[in-house]
């Protein structure tokens, strides 16, 4: 068996593709396999599949393949073009790579797995022996492939949230499938039009099937949802309620701490995080319990915040409404302006709060993606292009089927 026959067998190329030449460079640790379509054999038009005579050949190009015996393996070919009666001159589709790709299907499949398993793109690029830009192109292709295959037919409950993008006031909006536990789309901005566009990424018939959307109490998401998906119930969950309550407690603490400090009292000094802990650490419990026994306005604000936790534990919307009205009246009788402001906001959005008892959904999934998204941002050390940020999020958080369709098994060693 000749070396050409050996590589033809390894590559498992469909006829009439043939290996013309194999070149090895020990110095560069590279093997180059030249492939060819015979001149006398008619090809099929990539548009209609009809047979057509060869017209000419394109300039020779190279594709990166899986390594063999730790040597970098490249496929080289001057892709033929055929002259179709219906579609004119068209490049023949090669069986080892997708159109426009510089990598074979086997290599892309391997690269997608490596990128998904690595902590950073730099690490993936080093393992694959590629430049950062090449890794990004593989991610772009993988996400496009995954989105083309993805089905949104079963989406019934979604989450809408915003994330910071660049430094300053730059944000992106995310839509997540709460039941499928995946990010559906990422768009730049956080205004009403952005929310509408997020919804429009779902087919109209699918939007009509969405039963509920969890979101914060900001006007853009509420208005956008009512415009684009009027049949979906709006749900304001505990994650978006606890944030303004925590902020009200912290603002109350700041004001009271400044007042006490002016009087020479440092009771509230360095206590910020004690009021914000979900569960107070053991080493701080004694100190925190002492603070709660005082007549501090901050302690009263914290107590109102904690009482609101019981709202989510009510059995149904009717009981939830009774609880909220009692809580609201109590807050409004207090001398806590920051807490009163939040209470008024919650009352204005009470319908969305009570809808929780119908669907029992939260944006915990969307919030849970924060660590992954922060890691993506940290890895890039700041994105210059939003599109790269979007594709990275969809690659790592979209649960997409991104592998190329490889029809024959890989027979080479990995790079």
Protein backbone atom coordinates (compact mmCIF):
# COMPACT_ATOMS: atom_id res chain seq x y z
CA UNK A 1 0.00 0.00 0.00
CA UNK A 2 1.37 3.41 -0.99
CA UNK A 3 1.36 6.34 1.41
CA UNK A 4 -1.31 7.96 -0.78
CA UNK A 5 -3.51 4.87 -0.54
CA UNK A 6 -2.88 4.77 3.21
CA UNK A 7 -4.13 8.34 3.72
CA UNK A 8 -7.03 7.82 1.34
CA UNK A 9 -8.13 4.95 3.56
CA UNK A 10 -7.66 6.96 6.75
CA UNK A 11 -9.59 9.95 5.43
CA UNK A 12 -12.42 7.74 4.13
CA UNK A 13 -13.11 10.10 1.24
CA UNK A 14 -16.12 9.25 -0.90
CA UNK A 15 -15.34 8.51 -4.56
CA UNK A 16 -14.26 9.95 -6.87
CA UNK A 17 -12.16 12.12 -4.54
CA UNK A 18 -8.58 10.86 -4.49
CA UNK A 19 -5.29 11.53 -2.73
CA UNK A 20 -2.77 12.83 -5.23
CA UNK A 21 0.23 13.51 -3.02
CA UNK A 22 1.39 13.37 0.60
CA UNK A 23 4.15 15.71 1.78
CA UNK A 24 5.85 15.41 5.16
CA UNK A 25 7.97 18.05 6.87
CA UNK A 26 9.90 16.78 9.88
CA UNK A 27 11.17 20.28 10.59
CA UNK A 28 7.68 21.83 10.72
CA UNK A 29 6.09 18.63 12.07
CA UNK A 30 3.49 18.87 9.36
CA UNK A 31 1.80 16.46 6.95
CA UNK A 32 0.05 17.91 3.90
CA UNK A 33 -2.34 15.73 1.90
CA UNK A 34 -3.26 16.99 -1.59
CA UNK A 35 -6.73 15.95 -2.79
CA UNK A 36 -8.27 16.03 -6.24
CA UNK A 37 -11.50 15.49 -8.14
CA UNK A 38 -10.75 13.83 -11.54
CA UNK A 39 -11.23 16.03 -14.60
CA UNK A 40 -13.29 13.48 -16.48
CA UNK A 41 -15.88 13.00 -13.74
CA UNK A 42 -19.00 15.17 -13.74
CA UNK A 43 -19.89 16.86 -10.45
CA UNK A 44 -23.19 17.78 -8.82
CA UNK A 45 -24.42 21.34 -8.52
CA UNK A 46 -24.48 22.34 -4.82
CA UNK A 47 -27.76 24.20 -5.40
CA UNK A 48 -29.95 21.62 -7.15
CA UNK A 49 -27.91 18.40 -7.05
CA UNK A 50 -28.00 17.92 -10.81
CA UNK A 51 -24.91 16.57 -12.58
CA UNK A 52 -22.85 19.11 -14.47
CA UNK A 53 -19.49 19.15 -16.30
CA UNK A 54 -16.43 20.66 -14.64
CA UNK A 55 -15.78 24.28 -15.55
CA UNK A 56 -12.45 25.06 -13.86
CA UNK A 57 -10.72 24.92 -10.48
CA UNK A 58 -10.49 27.53 -7.77
CA UNK A 59 -7.14 28.61 -6.32
CA UNK A 60 -5.67 25.98 -4.02
CA UNK A 61 -6.64 26.27 -0.36
CA UNK A 62 -5.83 24.42 2.87
CA UNK A 63 -7.98 22.95 5.66
CA UNK A 64 -6.73 22.07 9.14
CA UNK A 65 -7.49 18.43 10.04
CA UNK A 66 -6.95 16.32 13.16
CA UNK A 67 -3.28 15.61 13.77
CA UNK A 68 -1.69 12.28 12.93
CA UNK A 69 1.06 10.90 15.20
CA UNK A 70 1.25 14.40 16.79
CA UNK A 71 2.00 15.92 13.37
CA UNK A 72 -0.22 18.77 12.18
CA UNK A 73 -2.29 17.41 9.29
CA UNK A 74 -3.59 19.67 6.54
CA UNK A 75 -5.73 18.89 3.52
CA UNK A 76 -5.01 20.82 0.35
CA UNK A 77 -7.23 21.05 -2.70
CA UNK A 78 -8.00 23.25 -5.69
CA UNK A 79 -11.77 22.95 -5.41
CA UNK A 80 -13.39 22.28 -8.81
CA UNK A 81 -16.28 24.33 -10.16
CA UNK A 82 -19.05 22.92 -12.30
CA UNK A 83 -21.27 24.62 -14.85
CA UNK A 84 -24.91 23.97 -14.03
CA UNK A 85 -27.46 24.73 -16.73
CA UNK A 86 -29.82 26.24 -14.15
CA UNK A 87 -27.50 27.92 -11.64
CA UNK A 88 -24.41 28.67 -13.71
CA UNK A 89 -20.86 28.16 -12.45
CA UNK A 90 -20.78 26.87 -8.87
CA UNK A 91 -18.02 25.56 -6.60
CA UNK A 92 -18.38 21.85 -5.83
CA UNK A 93 -19.11 21.19 -2.17
CA UNK A 94 -16.22 19.32 -0.55
CA UNK A 95 -17.24 16.47 1.81
CA UNK A 96 -14.66 17.18 4.51
CA UNK A 97 -15.61 20.76 5.46
CA UNK A 98 -18.48 23.20 5.59
CA UNK A 99 -18.59 25.97 2.96
CA UNK A 100 -16.23 28.82 3.84
CA UNK A 101 -14.55 26.99 6.71
CA UNK A 102 -10.78 26.62 7.00
CA UNK A 103 -11.18 23.54 9.21
CA UNK A 104 -12.40 20.04 8.47
CA UNK A 105 -15.58 18.73 10.05
CA UNK A 106 -13.59 16.37 12.26
CA UNK A 107 -11.35 19.18 13.50
CA UNK A 108 -14.27 21.53 14.18
CA UNK A 109 -16.06 18.79 16.11
CA UNK A 110 -12.99 18.26 18.26
CA UNK A 111 -12.45 22.01 18.68
CA UNK A 112 -16.02 22.58 19.88
CA UNK A 113 -15.51 19.94 22.57
CA UNK A 114 -12.16 21.44 23.65
CA UNK A 115 -13.49 25.01 23.80
CA UNK A 116 -16.49 23.90 25.82
CA UNK A 117 -14.25 22.11 28.33
CA UNK A 118 -11.68 24.90 28.77
CA UNK A 119 -11.79 27.68 31.32
CA UNK A 120 -10.67 30.28 28.82
CA UNK A 121 -10.30 30.79 25.09
CA UNK A 122 -6.58 31.33 25.57
CA UNK A 123 -6.28 27.84 27.04
CA UNK A 124 -8.36 26.38 24.21
CA UNK A 125 -6.28 28.20 21.59
CA UNK A 126 -3.07 26.81 23.10
CA UNK A 127 -4.40 23.24 23.14
CA UNK A 128 -5.66 23.48 19.58
CA UNK A 129 -2.62 25.31 18.26
CA UNK A 130 -4.78 28.12 16.87
CA UNK A 131 -4.83 31.89 16.99
CA UNK A 132 -7.51 33.53 19.16
CA UNK A 133 -9.35 34.80 16.05
CA UNK A 134 -9.55 31.28 14.64
CA UNK A 135 -11.08 30.00 17.87
CA UNK A 136 -13.65 32.81 17.72
CA UNK A 137 -14.54 31.85 14.13
CA UNK A 138 -15.12 28.26 15.23
CA UNK A 139 -17.39 29.53 18.02
CA UNK A 140 -19.29 31.71 15.55
CA UNK A 141 -19.82 28.78 13.19
CA UNK A 142 -20.82 26.46 16.02
CA UNK A 143 -23.42 28.88 17.39
CA UNK A 144 -24.86 29.56 13.93
CA UNK A 145 -25.11 25.80 13.40
CA UNK A 146 -26.74 25.30 16.79
CA UNK A 147 -29.28 28.09 16.30
CA UNK A 148 -30.28 26.69 12.91
CA UNK A 149 -31.00 23.32 14.55
CA UNK A 150 -32.58 24.62 17.75
CA UNK A 151 -36.27 24.17 18.44
CA UNK A 152 -38.21 26.61 20.62
CA UNK A 153 -41.46 24.72 20.28
CA UNK A 154 -41.58 23.70 23.94
CA UNK A 155 -40.84 27.13 25.42
CA UNK A 156 -43.63 28.01 27.85
CA UNK A 157 -41.99 30.09 30.59
CA UNK A 158 -39.18 32.58 30.02
CA UNK A 159 -37.00 34.91 32.05
CA UNK A 160 -35.96 38.41 31.00
CA UNK A 161 -32.97 40.10 32.58
CA UNK A 162 -30.21 42.60 31.92
CA UNK A 163 -26.44 42.26 32.27
CA UNK A 164 -23.65 44.81 32.05
CA UNK A 165 -21.59 44.64 28.88
CA UNK A 166 -18.88 47.29 28.73
CA UNK A 167 -17.77 49.77 31.34
CA UNK A 168 -20.24 52.54 32.02
CA UNK A 169 -23.93 52.39 31.18
CA UNK A 170 -23.72 49.65 28.57
CA UNK A 171 -26.08 46.70 28.99
CA UNK A 172 -27.42 43.66 27.20
CA UNK A 173 -30.78 41.95 27.62
CA UNK A 174 -31.20 38.18 27.89
CA UNK A 175 -34.12 35.86 27.34
CA UNK A 176 -33.90 32.45 29.01
CA UNK A 177 -35.99 29.31 28.74
CA UNK A 178 -36.73 28.66 32.42
CA UNK A 179 -37.85 25.07 31.91
CA UNK A 180 -35.17 24.20 29.35
CA UNK A 181 -32.50 25.96 31.47
CA UNK A 182 -30.87 27.70 28.53
CA UNK A 183 -30.23 31.18 27.17
CA UNK A 184 -32.40 31.78 24.12
CA UNK A 185 -31.07 35.14 22.93
CA UNK A 186 -28.87 38.10 23.86
CA UNK A 187 -29.38 41.60 22.43
CA UNK A 188 -27.61 44.90 23.04
CA UNK A 189 -29.56 47.45 25.09
CA UNK A 190 -32.22 47.32 27.78
CA UNK A 191 -35.02 49.55 26.47
CA UNK A 192 -38.54 48.65 25.37
CA UNK A 193 -37.55 48.13 21.74
CA UNK A 194 -34.81 45.71 22.79
CA UNK A 195 -37.37 43.72 24.77
CA UNK A 196 -39.71 43.62 21.77
CA UNK A 197 -36.87 42.38 19.56
CA UNK A 198 -36.06 39.68 22.13
CA UNK A 199 -39.62 38.41 21.90
CA UNK A 200 -39.53 38.60 18.11
CA UNK A 201 -36.68 36.08 18.04
CA UNK A 202 -39.41 33.56 18.87
CA UNK A 203 -41.86 32.71 16.05
CA UNK A 204 -45.21 34.48 16.49
CA UNK A 205 -47.07 31.22 17.02
CA UNK A 206 -44.57 30.28 19.73
CA UNK A 207 -44.92 33.65 21.48
CA UNK A 208 -48.64 32.99 21.80
CA UNK A 209 -47.86 29.74 23.63
CA UNK A 210 -45.61 31.34 26.25
CA UNK A 211 -47.56 31.32 29.50
CA UNK A 212 -45.41 33.50 31.75
CA UNK A 213 -42.35 35.74 31.80
CA UNK A 214 -40.31 36.46 34.94
CA UNK A 215 -38.75 39.91 34.99
CA UNK A 216 -37.87 42.91 37.14
CA UNK A 217 -40.24 45.81 37.72
CA UNK A 218 -38.62 48.09 35.16
CA UNK A 219 -40.93 49.63 32.57
CA UNK A 220 -39.01 48.48 29.43
CA UNK A 221 -39.49 44.75 30.04
CA UNK A 222 -43.11 45.19 31.16
CA UNK A 223 -44.15 47.40 28.23
CA UNK A 224 -42.17 45.36 25.70
CA UNK A 225 -43.75 42.11 26.89
CA UNK A 226 -47.26 43.55 26.74
CA UNK A 227 -46.61 44.69 23.19
CA UNK A 228 -44.92 41.57 21.80
CA UNK A 229 -46.42 38.78 23.93
CA UNK A 230 -49.73 40.03 25.37
CA UNK A 231 -50.88 36.51 26.27
CA UNK A 232 -47.92 35.91 28.62
CA UNK A 233 -48.44 36.61 32.33
CA UNK A 234 -45.89 39.00 33.83
CA UNK A 235 -44.27 37.65 37.00
CA UNK A 236 -42.13 39.71 39.38
CA UNK A 237 -40.13 37.21 41.39
CA UNK A 238 -38.37 37.31 44.73
CA UNK A 239 -34.96 38.01 43.23
CA UNK A 240 -36.14 41.31 41.78
CA UNK A 241 -38.08 42.22 44.93
CA UNK A 242 -35.25 41.51 47.37
CA UNK A 243 -32.87 43.83 45.51
CA UNK A 244 -34.78 47.10 46.13
CA UNK A 245 -35.57 45.99 49.68
CA UNK A 246 -31.87 45.39 50.37
CA UNK A 247 -31.04 48.76 48.83
CA UNK A 248 -33.60 50.46 51.08
CA UNK A 249 -32.06 48.82 54.15
CA UNK A 250 -28.57 49.88 53.07
CA UNK A 251 -29.65 53.47 52.36
CA UNK A 252 -31.33 53.64 55.76
CA UNK A 253 -28.13 52.35 57.39
CA UNK A 254 -25.98 54.93 55.61
CA UNK A 255 -28.15 57.83 56.70
CA UNK A 256 -28.43 56.59 60.28
CA UNK A 257 -24.73 55.74 60.49
CA UNK A 258 -23.76 59.25 59.37
CA UNK A 259 -26.10 60.79 61.94
CA UNK A 260 -24.76 58.60 64.76
CA UNK A 261 -21.14 59.20 63.74
CA UNK A 262 -21.73 62.95 63.98
CA UNK A 263 -22.79 62.33 67.59
CA UNK A 264 -19.71 60.20 68.29
CA UNK A 265 -21.60 56.89 68.11
CA UNK A 266 -19.98 54.22 65.91
CA UNK A 267 -22.60 51.50 66.50
CA UNK A 268 -23.28 51.06 62.77
CA UNK A 269 -19.70 51.45 61.64
CA UNK A 270 -18.54 48.54 59.44
CA UNK A 271 -21.88 46.73 59.66
CA UNK A 272 -23.02 47.03 56.06
CA UNK A 273 -22.79 43.36 55.12
CA UNK A 274 -24.37 42.19 58.37
CA UNK A 275 -27.68 43.62 57.13
CA UNK A 276 -27.33 42.11 53.66
CA UNK A 277 -26.44 38.50 54.50
CA UNK A 278 -29.09 35.96 53.56
CA UNK A 279 -27.84 33.84 56.45
CA UNK A 280 -25.62 35.49 59.01
CA UNK A 281 -22.26 33.66 59.36
CA UNK A 282 -21.67 32.10 62.78
CA UNK A 283 -18.79 34.43 63.60
CA UNK A 284 -21.08 37.47 63.19
CA UNK A 285 -24.28 36.16 64.79
CA UNK A 286 -23.67 37.49 68.30
CA UNK A 287 -22.78 40.97 67.05
CA UNK A 288 -25.80 41.04 64.71
CA UNK A 289 -28.24 39.90 67.41
CA UNK A 290 -27.02 42.75 69.61
CA UNK A 291 -27.78 45.21 66.80
CA UNK A 292 -31.27 43.79 66.32
CA UNK A 293 -32.08 44.37 69.99
CA UNK A 294 -31.41 48.09 69.65
CA UNK A 295 -33.94 50.73 68.61
CA UNK A 296 -32.06 51.45 65.39
CA UNK A 297 -34.09 52.51 62.36
CA UNK A 298 -31.85 50.22 60.30
CA UNK A 299 -32.94 47.24 62.41
CA UNK A 300 -36.59 48.11 61.80
CA UNK A 301 -36.01 48.40 58.05
CA UNK A 302 -34.24 45.03 58.07
CA UNK A 303 -37.21 43.49 59.92
CA UNK A 304 -39.63 44.71 57.24
CA UNK A 305 -37.38 43.27 54.56
CA UNK A 306 -37.32 39.91 56.32
CA UNK A 307 -41.09 39.92 56.79
CA UNK A 308 -41.53 40.16 53.02
CA UNK A 309 -39.87 36.74 52.68
CA UNK A 310 -43.04 35.25 54.13
CA UNK A 311 -45.03 36.66 51.20
CA UNK A 312 -43.57 34.02 48.88
CA UNK A 313 -44.53 31.27 51.31
CA UNK A 314 -48.26 31.97 51.10
CA UNK A 315 -50.41 29.15 49.64
CA UNK A 316 -52.13 31.20 46.93
CA UNK A 317 -52.66 34.67 45.46
CA UNK A 318 -55.56 35.48 47.79
CA UNK A 319 -53.49 34.77 50.90
CA UNK A 320 -50.57 36.58 49.31
CA UNK A 321 -52.69 39.68 48.77
CA UNK A 322 -53.90 39.66 52.39
CA UNK A 323 -50.33 39.32 53.66
CA UNK A 324 -49.04 42.09 51.40
CA UNK A 325 -51.75 44.57 52.38
CA UNK A 326 -50.96 44.03 56.07
CA UNK A 327 -47.22 44.40 55.41
CA UNK A 328 -47.79 47.51 53.32
CA UNK A 329 -49.92 49.25 55.97
CA UNK A 330 -47.30 48.49 58.61
CA UNK A 331 -44.49 49.94 56.49
CA UNK A 332 -46.48 53.07 55.65
CA UNK A 333 -47.03 53.74 59.38
CA UNK A 334 -43.27 53.62 59.98
CA UNK A 335 -40.78 56.48 59.83
CA UNK A 336 -38.65 54.82 57.18
CA UNK A 337 -38.88 56.87 53.95
CA UNK A 338 -36.61 54.57 51.94
CA UNK A 339 -38.67 51.52 52.86
CA UNK A 340 -41.93 53.39 52.17
CA UNK A 341 -40.71 54.22 48.67
CA UNK A 342 -40.06 50.54 47.93
CA UNK A 343 -43.41 49.53 49.44
CA UNK A 344 -45.22 51.96 47.11
CA UNK A 345 -43.35 50.54 44.12
CA UNK A 346 -44.25 46.98 45.11
CA UNK A 347 -47.91 47.94 45.50
CA UNK A 348 -47.90 49.50 42.03
CA UNK A 349 -46.67 46.15 40.68
CA UNK A 350 -48.77 43.97 42.96
CA UNK A 351 -50.43 42.21 40.02
CA UNK A 352 -47.06 40.88 38.85
CA UNK A 353 -46.20 39.80 42.39
CA UNK A 354 -49.46 37.88 42.85
CA UNK A 355 -49.04 36.19 39.46
CA UNK A 356 -46.13 34.35 41.06
CA UNK A 357 -48.60 32.10 42.90
CA UNK A 358 -50.06 30.98 39.56
CA UNK A 359 -46.77 30.01 37.92
CA UNK A 360 -44.28 29.72 40.82
CA UNK A 361 -41.36 30.76 38.61
CA UNK A 362 -38.34 32.88 39.42
CA UNK A 363 -35.41 34.31 37.52
CA UNK A 364 -33.03 32.17 39.58
CA UNK A 365 -31.85 30.46 36.37
CA UNK A 366 -31.02 33.77 34.70
CA UNK A 367 -29.29 34.96 37.86
CA UNK A 368 -27.48 31.63 37.99
CA UNK A 369 -25.89 32.33 34.63
CA UNK A 370 -24.15 35.34 36.19
CA UNK A 371 -21.05 33.38 37.18
CA UNK A 372 -20.63 31.95 33.69
CA UNK A 373 -21.22 35.31 32.04
CA UNK A 374 -18.78 37.03 34.42
CA UNK A 375 -16.19 34.38 33.56
CA UNK A 376 -16.78 35.04 29.86
CA UNK A 377 -16.24 38.78 30.40
CA UNK A 378 -13.15 38.22 32.52
CA UNK A 379 -11.65 35.87 29.94
CA UNK A 380 -12.02 38.47 27.20
CA UNK A 381 -10.85 41.34 29.46
CA UNK A 382 -13.51 43.52 27.85
CA UNK A 383 -15.25 42.86 24.56
CA UNK A 384 -14.77 45.27 21.69
CA UNK A 385 -17.61 43.70 19.71
CA UNK A 386 -21.02 42.89 21.16
CA UNK A 387 -21.45 40.04 18.66
CA UNK A 388 -18.51 38.16 20.19
CA UNK A 389 -20.05 38.59 23.64
CA UNK A 390 -23.39 37.28 22.35
CA UNK A 391 -21.94 34.21 20.65
CA UNK A 392 -19.85 33.30 23.70
CA UNK A 393 -22.92 33.43 25.96
CA UNK A 394 -24.94 31.30 23.53
CA UNK A 395 -22.02 28.87 23.12
CA UNK A 396 -21.62 28.26 26.85
CA UNK A 397 -25.19 28.86 28.09
CA UNK A 398 -27.45 28.08 25.13
CA UNK A 399 -27.47 24.26 25.28
CA UNK A 400 -27.08 24.22 21.52
CA UNK A 401 -26.34 21.20 19.33
CA UNK A 402 -23.22 22.68 17.74
CA UNK A 403 -21.18 19.75 16.46
CA UNK A 404 -20.69 19.45 12.70
CA UNK A 405 -22.34 16.46 11.06
CA UNK A 406 -19.44 14.09 10.50
CA UNK A 407 -20.54 11.13 8.43
CA UNK A 408 -17.48 8.96 8.92
CA UNK A 409 -15.53 8.25 12.12
CA UNK A 410 -12.36 10.15 12.88
CA UNK A 411 -9.28 8.02 12.40
CA UNK A 412 -6.51 10.38 13.43
CA UNK A 413 -4.90 11.25 16.70
CA UNK A 414 -5.88 14.53 18.31
CA UNK A 415 -3.66 17.61 17.96
